[in-house]
Amino acid sequence: MTHEFDKDYWERHWEQPHGSGPEAATENAPNPYLVRETSGLVPGTALDAGCGEGAEALWLASHGWQVTAADIAAEALARAASRAAQATASGPVHWIEADLTAWEPGTQFDLVTTSYAHPAMPQPAFYERISAWVAPGGTLVIIGHLHTPEPAGHGHHPPAHASVTAADITAALDGAKWEIVTAEEHSRTLTGPGGQAVPPHDAVVRATRRP
């Protein structure tokens, strides 16, 4: 069944006892590709676009970043705030309820990252949109679902318009403005809710905005 990735969809999604998909499979752990791609960067300002329950935002804040985290779903942000209250090692995070297809941050960031975010617009157009929020010399890290012939661990494919390849992502970035540092596709195995094996297939791109 098809659906729109609108606010109502995401509120229903986060009201469920467990989210579905690889972004929910590791509980409190940040995405390992986000950790890998940002660990060598000098901390500055960061935006987590489509932050969900906040695992990546809190990890960045605990490593010295000044983090703004935005999501369309109030329920996701409530969970993120609750998690933040228990994360004594993390710095403060500015949580914002926002529709990322229309919201404008009014500033640029040293780092903009998104992990499995699915707005109500095509994925490449979304990546192009958020790329404008990266300051010159800053970094963009995108982690997206990569469609494969095998169904996902929760029993169905992501919708076709929610799946991207690394080539799809890099094609959305103007080569005159961006240096591609990482463009990879990976498969890994996680343990999801109830001990179910979840085999996410990911497209990972890191790019540096040219000064």
C-alpha atoms as a PDB file:
ATOM      1  CA  MET A   1       0.000   0.000   0.000  1.00  0.00           C
ATOM      2  CA  THR A   2       1.315   3.401  -0.917  1.00  0.00           C
ATOM      3  CA  HIS A   3       1.222   6.386   1.410  1.00  0.00           C
ATOM      4  CA  GLU A   4       2.379   9.949   1.666  1.00  0.00           C
ATOM      5  CA  PHE A   5       5.259  10.855   3.959  1.00  0.00           C
ATOM      6  CA  ASP A   6       3.266  13.683   5.528  1.00  0.00           C
ATOM      7  CA  LYS A   7       2.985  14.800   9.137  1.00  0.00           C
ATOM      8  CA  ASP A   8       0.039  12.483   9.872  1.00  0.00           C
ATOM      9  CA  TYR A   9       1.995   9.485   8.606  1.00  0.00           C
ATOM     10  CA  TRP A  10       5.014  10.265  10.761  1.00  0.00           C
ATOM     11  CA  GLU A  11       2.959  10.980  13.877  1.00  0.00           C
ATOM     12  CA  ARG A  12       1.292   7.564  13.486  1.00  0.00           C
ATOM     13  CA  HIS A  13       4.670   5.967  12.844  1.00  0.00           C
ATOM     14  CA  TRP A  14       6.193   7.324  16.050  1.00  0.00           C
ATOM     15  CA  GLU A  15       3.113   6.590  18.145  1.00  0.00           C
ATOM     16  CA  GLN A  16       3.714   2.885  17.553  1.00  0.00           C
ATOM     17  CA  PRO A  17       5.512   1.001  20.353  1.00  0.00           C
ATOM     18  CA  HIS A  18       8.474   0.457  18.013  1.00  0.00           C
ATOM     19  CA  GLY A  19       9.422   2.218  14.812  1.00  0.00           C
ATOM     20  CA  SER A  20      10.057  -0.026  11.830  1.00  0.00           C
ATOM     21  CA  GLY A  21      13.133  -0.273   9.689  1.00  0.00           C
ATOM     22  CA  PRO A  22      16.874  -0.020  10.272  1.00  0.00           C
ATOM     23  CA  GLU A  23      16.635   3.382  11.932  1.00  0.00           C
ATOM     24  CA  ALA A  24      14.788   1.722  14.844  1.00  0.00           C
ATOM     25  CA  ALA A  25      16.826  -1.455  15.091  1.00  0.00           C
ATOM     26  CA  THR A  26      19.673  -0.282  17.288  1.00  0.00           C
ATOM     27  CA  GLU A  27      17.717   1.510  20.030  1.00  0.00           C
ATOM     28  CA  ASN A  28      20.033   4.217  21.432  1.00  0.00           C
ATOM     29  CA  ALA A  29      22.980   3.735  19.080  1.00  0.00           C
ATOM     30  CA  PRO A  30      23.770   6.389  16.461  1.00  0.00           C
ATOM     31  CA  ASN A  31      24.109   5.292  12.878  1.00  0.00           C
ATOM     32  CA  PRO A  32      27.622   3.836  12.499  1.00  0.00           C
ATOM     33  CA  TYR A  33      28.187   5.554   9.156  1.00  0.00           C
ATOM     34  CA  LEU A  34      27.401   8.944  10.686  1.00  0.00           C
ATOM     35  CA  VAL A  35      29.912   8.178  13.446  1.00  0.00           C
ATOM     36  CA  ARG A  36      32.546   7.096  10.941  1.00  0.00           C
ATOM     37  CA  GLU A  37      32.113  10.048   8.594  1.00  0.00           C
ATOM     38  CA  THR A  38      32.125  12.745  11.283  1.00  0.00           C
ATOM     39  CA  SER A  39      34.625  11.435  13.833  1.00  0.00           C
ATOM     40  CA  GLY A  40      37.544  13.202  12.145  1.00  0.00           C
ATOM     41  CA  LEU A  41      35.799  16.558  11.763  1.00  0.00           C
ATOM     42  CA  VAL A  42      36.397  19.591  13.967  1.00  0.00           C
ATOM     43  CA  PRO A  43      33.144  20.153  15.893  1.00  0.00           C
ATOM     44  CA  GLY A  44      31.122  23.247  15.036  1.00  0.00           C
ATOM     45  CA  THR A  45      27.457  23.838  14.299  1.00  0.00           C
ATOM     46  CA  ALA A  46      25.385  20.901  13.074  1.00  0.00           C
ATOM     47  CA  LEU A  47      21.887  20.243  11.791  1.00  0.00           C
ATOM     48  CA  ASP A  48      20.298  16.798  11.968  1.00  0.00           C
ATOM     49  CA  ALA A  49      17.542  16.957   9.327  1.00  0.00           C
ATOM     50  CA  GLY A  50      14.827  14.451  10.184  1.00  0.00           C
ATOM     51  CA  CYS A  51      16.258  13.562  13.591  1.00  0.00           C
ATOM     52  CA  GLY A  52      13.620  11.058  14.742  1.00  0.00           C
ATOM     53  CA  GLU A  53      14.287   9.996  18.324  1.00  0.00           C
ATOM     54  CA  GLY A  54      17.575  11.878  18.340  1.00  0.00           C
ATOM     55  CA  ALA A  55      20.274   9.196  18.514  1.00  0.00           C
ATOM     56  CA  GLU A  56      22.538  10.946  16.002  1.00  0.00           C
ATOM     57  CA  ALA A  57      21.861  14.443  17.357  1.00  0.00           C
ATOM     58  CA  LEU A  58      22.728  13.364  20.889  1.00  0.00           C
ATOM     59  CA  TRP A  59      25.882  11.590  19.741  1.00  0.00           C
ATOM     60  CA  LEU A  60      27.034  14.715  17.918  1.00  0.00           C
ATOM     61  CA  ALA A  61      26.243  16.887  20.950  1.00  0.00           C
ATOM     62  CA  SER A  62      28.246  14.553  23.183  1.00  0.00           C
ATOM     63  CA  HIS A  63      31.227  15.056  20.857  1.00  0.00           C
ATOM     64  CA  GLY A  64      31.289  18.825  21.010  1.00  0.00           C
ATOM     65  CA  TRP A  65      28.889  19.825  18.251  1.00  0.00           C
ATOM     66  CA  GLN A  66      26.340  22.635  18.700  1.00  0.00           C
ATOM     67  CA  VAL A  67      23.335  20.720  17.397  1.00  0.00           C
ATOM     68  CA  THR A  68      20.004  21.757  15.948  1.00  0.00           C
ATOM     69  CA  ALA A  69      17.721  18.765  15.352  1.00  0.00           C
ATOM     70  CA  ALA A  70      14.554  19.069  13.285  1.00  0.00           C
ATOM     71  CA  ASP A  71      11.717  16.635  12.655  1.00  0.00           C
ATOM     72  CA  ILE A  72       8.138  16.896  11.432  1.00  0.00           C
ATOM     73  CA  ALA A  73       6.729  14.607  14.138  1.00  0.00           C
ATOM     74  CA  ALA A  74       6.000  15.997  17.599  1.00  0.00           C
ATOM     75  CA  GLU A  75       5.944  12.447  18.977  1.00  0.00           C
ATOM     76  CA  ALA A  76       9.479  11.774  17.712  1.00  0.00           C
ATOM     77  CA  LEU A  77      10.720  15.016  19.273  1.00  0.00           C
ATOM     78  CA  ALA A  78       9.050  14.162  22.593  1.00  0.00           C
ATOM     79  CA  ARG A  79      10.907  10.858  22.602  1.00  0.00           C
ATOM     80  CA  ALA A  80      14.122  12.650  21.677  1.00  0.00           C
ATOM     81  CA  ALA A  81      13.713  15.157  24.515  1.00  0.00           C
ATOM     82  CA  SER A  82      13.087  12.338  26.972  1.00  0.00           C
ATOM     83  CA  ARG A  83      16.212  10.563  25.765  1.00  0.00           C
ATOM     84  CA  ALA A  84      18.188  13.812  26.015  1.00  0.00           C
ATOM     85  CA  ALA A  85      17.110  14.270  29.631  1.00  0.00           C
ATOM     86  CA  GLN A  86      18.745  10.943  30.451  1.00  0.00           C
ATOM     87  CA  ALA A  87      21.909  11.545  28.417  1.00  0.00           C
ATOM     88  CA  THR A  88      24.091  13.175  31.046  1.00  0.00           C
ATOM     89  CA  ALA A  89      27.176  13.083  28.803  1.00  0.00           C
ATOM     90  CA  SER A  90      25.505  14.998  25.988  1.00  0.00           C
ATOM     91  CA  GLY A  91      25.550  18.725  25.392  1.00  0.00           C
ATOM     92  CA  PRO A  92      22.334  20.663  24.751  1.00  0.00           C
ATOM     93  CA  VAL A  93      20.379  20.113  21.547  1.00  0.00           C
ATOM     94  CA  HIS A  94      17.968  22.640  20.023  1.00  0.00           C
ATOM     95  CA  TRP A  95      14.907  20.565  19.023  1.00  0.00           C
ATOM     96  CA  ILE A  96      12.650  22.020  16.292  1.00  0.00           C
ATOM     97  CA  GLU A  97       9.328  20.714  14.990  1.00  0.00           C
ATOM     98  CA  ALA A  98       9.502  21.515  11.287  1.00  0.00           C
ATOM     99  CA  ASP A  99       8.379  20.331   7.867  1.00  0.00           C
ATOM    100  CA  LEU A 100      11.722  20.132   6.102  1.00  0.00           C
ATOM    101  CA  THR A 101      10.100  20.557   2.693  1.00  0.00           C
ATOM    102  CA  ALA A 102       9.110  24.123   3.651  1.00  0.00           C
ATOM    103  CA  TRP A 103      11.162  25.152   6.717  1.00  0.00           C
ATOM    104  CA  GLU A 104      14.160  27.424   6.332  1.00  0.00           C
ATOM    105  CA  PRO A 105      16.791  27.463   9.098  1.00  0.00           C
ATOM    106  CA  GLY A 106      17.862  31.030   8.398  1.00  0.00           C
ATOM    107  CA  THR A 107      21.526  30.100   8.787  1.00  0.00           C
ATOM    108  CA  GLN A 108      24.119  27.673   7.499  1.00  0.00           C
ATOM    109  CA  PHE A 109      25.878  24.912   9.426  1.00  0.00           C
ATOM    110  CA  ASP A 110      29.334  23.359   9.497  1.00  0.00           C
ATOM    111  CA  LEU A 111      27.645  19.958   9.248  1.00  0.00           C
ATOM    112  CA  VAL A 112      24.265  18.931   7.861  1.00  0.00           C
ATOM    113  CA  THR A 113      23.339  15.283   8.203  1.00  0.00           C
ATOM    114  CA  THR A 114      20.291  13.155   7.521  1.00  0.00           C
ATOM    115  CA  SER A 115      19.733   9.452   8.201  1.00  0.00           C
ATOM    116  CA  TYR A 116      16.775   7.629   6.624  1.00  0.00           C
ATOM    117  CA  ALA A 117      14.697  10.808   6.432  1.00  0.00           C
ATOM    118  CA  HIS A 118      11.726  10.527   4.067  1.00  0.00           C
ATOM    119  CA  PRO A 119       9.921  13.830   3.485  1.00  0.00           C
ATOM    120  CA  ALA A 120       6.914  14.378   1.239  1.00  0.00           C
ATOM    121  CA  MET A 121       9.146  15.117  -1.756  1.00  0.00           C
ATOM    122  CA  PRO A 122      11.544  13.053  -3.905  1.00  0.00           C
ATOM    123  CA  GLN A 123      14.689  12.026  -2.061  1.00  0.00           C
ATOM    124  CA  PRO A 124      17.208  13.680  -4.470  1.00  0.00           C
ATOM    125  CA  ALA A 125      15.272  16.956  -4.327  1.00  0.00           C
ATOM    126  CA  PHE A 126      15.318  16.776  -0.530  1.00  0.00           C
ATOM    127  CA  TYR A 127      19.078  16.246  -0.487  1.00  0.00           C
ATOM    128  CA  GLU A 128      19.603  19.141  -2.866  1.00  0.00           C
ATOM    129  CA  ARG A 129      17.427  21.313  -0.607  1.00  0.00           C
ATOM    130  CA  ILE A 130      19.277  20.553   2.627  1.00  0.00           C
ATOM    131  CA  SER A 131      22.653  20.865   0.903  1.00  0.00           C
ATOM    132  CA  ALA A 132      22.012  24.615   0.630  1.00  0.00           C
ATOM    133  CA  TRP A 133      22.160  24.764   4.430  1.00  0.00           C
ATOM    134  CA  VAL A 134      25.836  23.700   4.533  1.00  0.00           C
ATOM    135  CA  ALA A 135      28.298  26.550   5.043  1.00  0.00           C
ATOM    136  CA  PRO A 136      31.250  26.928   2.624  1.00  0.00           C
ATOM    137  CA  GLY A 137      33.910  24.434   3.694  1.00  0.00           C
ATOM    138  CA  GLY A 138      31.279  22.464   5.629  1.00  0.00           C
ATOM    139  CA  THR A 139      30.224  18.834   5.379  1.00  0.00           C
ATOM    140  CA  LEU A 140      27.077  17.066   4.180  1.00  0.00           C
ATOM    141  CA  VAL A 141      26.473  13.471   5.312  1.00  0.00           C
ATOM    142  CA  ILE A 142      23.548  11.557   3.816  1.00  0.00           C
ATOM    143  CA  ILE A 143      22.511   8.023   4.746  1.00  0.00           C
ATOM    144  CA  GLY A 144      19.609   6.657   2.730  1.00  0.00           C
ATOM    145  CA  HIS A 145      17.778   3.415   2.097  1.00  0.00           C
ATOM    146  CA  LEU A 146      19.157   1.418  -0.817  1.00  0.00           C
ATOM    147  CA  HIS A 147      16.528  -0.707  -2.545  1.00  0.00           C
ATOM    148  CA  THR A 148      17.484  -4.369  -3.030  1.00  0.00           C
ATOM    149  CA  PRO A 149      15.591  -7.365  -4.442  1.00  0.00           C
ATOM    150  CA  GLU A 150      15.231  -8.864  -0.951  1.00  0.00           C
ATOM    151  CA  PRO A 151      12.494  -7.516   1.341  1.00  0.00           C
ATOM    152  CA  ALA A 152      13.524  -5.558   4.414  1.00  0.00           C
ATOM    153  CA  GLY A 153      13.596  -7.237   7.821  1.00  0.00           C
ATOM    154  CA  HIS A 154      10.135  -5.922   8.678  1.00  0.00           C
ATOM    155  CA  GLY A 155       8.650  -7.839   5.741  1.00  0.00           C
ATOM    156  CA  HIS A 156       8.303  -5.283   2.958  1.00  0.00           C
ATOM    157  CA  HIS A 157      10.286  -2.995   0.728  1.00  0.00           C
ATOM    158  CA  PRO A 158      10.547   0.699   1.397  1.00  0.00           C
ATOM    159  CA  PRO A 159       8.445   2.548  -1.198  1.00  0.00           C
ATOM    160  CA  ALA A 160      10.369   2.972  -4.431  1.00  0.00           C
ATOM    161  CA  HIS A 161      10.453   6.751  -4.025  1.00  0.00           C
ATOM    162  CA  ALA A 162      12.090   6.310  -0.592  1.00  0.00           C
ATOM    163  CA  SER A 163      15.015   4.336  -1.985  1.00  0.00           C
ATOM    164  CA  VAL A 164      18.186   5.853  -3.403  1.00  0.00           C
ATOM    165  CA  THR A 165      21.588   4.746  -4.619  1.00  0.00           C
ATOM    166  CA  ALA A 166      24.830   6.540  -3.877  1.00  0.00           C
ATOM    167  CA  ALA A 167      24.810   7.651  -7.526  1.00  0.00           C
ATOM    168  CA  ASP A 168      21.337   9.175  -7.065  1.00  0.00           C
ATOM    169  CA  ILE A 169      22.619  11.217  -4.150  1.00  0.00           C
ATOM    170  CA  THR A 170      25.804  12.435  -5.783  1.00  0.00           C
ATOM    171  CA  ALA A 171      23.865  13.357  -8.931  1.00  0.00           C
ATOM    172  CA  ALA A 172      21.830  15.785  -6.823  1.00  0.00           C
ATOM    173  CA  LEU A 173      25.011  17.651  -5.821  1.00  0.00           C
ATOM    174  CA  ASP A 174      26.556  20.151  -8.232  1.00  0.00           C
ATOM    175  CA  GLY A 175      30.146  19.104  -8.854  1.00  0.00           C
ATOM    176  CA  ALA A 176      31.201  22.730  -9.100  1.00  0.00           C
ATOM    177  CA  LYS A 177      30.075  23.252  -5.517  1.00  0.00           C
ATOM    178  CA  TRP A 178      30.837  19.890  -3.908  1.00  0.00           C
ATOM    179  CA  GLU A 179      33.780  17.543  -3.447  1.00  0.00           C
ATOM    180  CA  ILE A 180      32.561  13.981  -2.944  1.00  0.00           C
ATOM    181  CA  VAL A 181      34.562  12.343  -0.157  1.00  0.00           C
ATOM    182  CA  THR A 182      32.531   9.142   0.312  1.00  0.00           C
ATOM    183  CA  ALA A 183      29.998   7.480  -2.011  1.00  0.00           C
ATOM    184  CA  GLU A 184      29.371   3.898  -0.916  1.00  0.00           C
ATOM    185  CA  GLU A 185      26.691   1.257  -0.614  1.00  0.00           C
ATOM    186  CA  HIS A 186      26.662  -1.209   2.271  1.00  0.00           C
ATOM    187  CA  SER A 187      24.715  -4.104   3.718  1.00  0.00           C
ATOM    188  CA  ARG A 188      24.828  -5.010   7.398  1.00  0.00           C
ATOM    189  CA  THR A 189      22.838  -7.115   9.855  1.00  0.00           C
ATOM    190  CA  LEU A 190      21.173  -5.715  12.967  1.00  0.00           C
ATOM    191  CA  THR A 191      18.937  -7.121  15.658  1.00  0.00           C
ATOM    192  CA  GLY A 192      15.589  -5.381  15.698  1.00  0.00           C
ATOM    193  CA  PRO A 193      12.618  -5.489  18.089  1.00  0.00           C
ATOM    194  CA  GLY A 194      11.853  -8.989  19.347  1.00  0.00           C
ATOM    195  CA  GLY A 195      15.234 -10.287  18.238  1.00  0.00           C
ATOM    196  CA  GLN A 196      14.276 -10.119  14.564  1.00  0.00           C
ATOM    197  CA  ALA A 197      17.159  -9.861  12.110  1.00  0.00           C
ATOM    198  CA  VAL A 198      17.080  -6.598  10.175  1.00  0.00           C
ATOM    199  CA  PRO A 199      19.376  -6.430   7.101  1.00  0.00           C
ATOM    200  CA  PRO A 200      19.522  -2.754   6.149  1.00  0.00           C
ATOM    201  CA  HIS A 201      21.048  -1.801   2.828  1.00  0.00           C
ATOM    202  CA  ASP A 202      22.405   1.726   2.921  1.00  0.00           C
ATOM    203  CA  ALA A 203      23.660   4.377   0.536  1.00  0.00           C
ATOM    204  CA  VAL A 204      26.217   6.621   2.254  1.00  0.00           C
ATOM    205  CA  VAL A 205      27.509   9.895   0.854  1.00  0.00           C
ATOM    206  CA  ARG A 206      29.769  12.469   2.453  1.00  0.00           C
ATOM    207  CA  ALA A 207      30.586  15.666   0.603  1.00  0.00           C
ATOM    208  CA  THR A 208      32.486  18.847   1.390  1.00  0.00           C
ATOM    209  CA  ARG A 209      31.147  22.165   0.149  1.00  0.00           C
ATOM    210  CA  ARG A 210      33.811  24.026  -1.765  1.00  0.00           C
ATOM    211  CA  PRO A 211      34.736  27.442  -0.240  1.00  0.00           C
END
